[in-house]
Protein backbone atom coordinates (compact mmCIF):
# COMPACT_ATOMS: atom_id res chain seq x y z
CA MET A 1 24.34 147.39 24.13
CA ASN A 2 27.49 147.23 26.26
CA THR A 3 27.08 145.30 29.52
CA GLU A 4 30.79 145.54 30.38
CA TRP A 5 32.13 148.57 32.26
CA THR A 6 33.96 150.94 29.91
CA LYS A 7 36.27 153.74 31.02
CA SER A 8 35.54 157.22 29.70
CA THR A 9 37.72 158.40 26.81
CA TYR A 10 38.09 161.67 28.75
CA SER A 11 39.85 159.88 31.63
CA HIS A 12 43.32 161.05 32.59
CA ALA A 13 46.34 159.10 33.80
CA SER A 14 45.64 160.35 37.34
CA GLY A 15 42.97 157.68 37.69
CA ASP A 16 40.09 160.13 38.18
CA CYS A 17 37.77 158.22 35.90
CA VAL A 18 34.17 157.42 35.25
CA GLU A 19 33.05 154.08 33.84
CA CYS A 20 29.78 153.41 32.10
CA ARG A 21 27.74 150.52 30.77
CA ALA A 22 24.26 149.92 29.43
CA ASP A 23 21.76 147.18 30.09
CA GLY A 24 18.24 146.68 28.84
CA ASP A 25 16.78 149.25 31.22
CA SER A 26 19.37 151.93 31.89
CA ALA A 27 22.71 153.61 31.36
CA GLN A 28 24.89 153.18 34.44
CA LEU A 29 27.85 155.20 35.75
CA ARG A 30 30.36 154.53 38.52
CA ASP A 31 33.59 155.92 39.93
CA THR A 32 36.52 153.82 38.71
CA GLN A 33 38.44 154.29 41.95
CA HIS A 34 35.47 153.25 44.13
CA PRO A 35 33.39 150.68 42.23
CA HIS A 36 32.31 149.11 45.52
CA HIS A 37 30.30 152.30 46.26
CA GLY A 38 27.79 151.25 43.62
CA HIS A 39 26.61 153.09 40.54
CA LEU A 40 24.05 155.59 39.31
CA ALA A 41 21.45 154.34 36.83
CA PHE A 42 19.54 156.52 34.38
CA PRO A 43 16.70 155.45 32.07
CA HIS A 44 17.92 155.46 28.47
CA ARG A 45 15.60 158.31 27.48
CA GLU A 46 16.89 160.57 30.27
CA TRP A 47 20.52 159.70 29.51
CA ALA A 48 20.03 160.46 25.80
CA ALA A 49 18.45 163.84 26.67
CA PHE A 50 21.36 164.65 29.00
CA LEU A 51 23.94 163.81 26.30
CA ALA A 52 22.03 165.80 23.68
CA GLU A 53 22.07 168.84 25.98
CA LEU A 54 25.82 168.49 26.56
CA HIS A 55 26.46 168.27 22.82
CA SER A 56 24.42 171.42 22.23
CA LEU A 57 26.63 173.54 24.50
């Protein structure tokens, strides 16, 4: 489990990035340029289903 914010490996030098982290309850995402705007949290099961769908495309 990673409780530190991690920048996406798909991020570009332009700074348009997404950061993520996980805690005991959820996977969380935020905009790197605007971390003060908060984050989106997804239950682990929903996040795993989302990622599985992306990988199937």
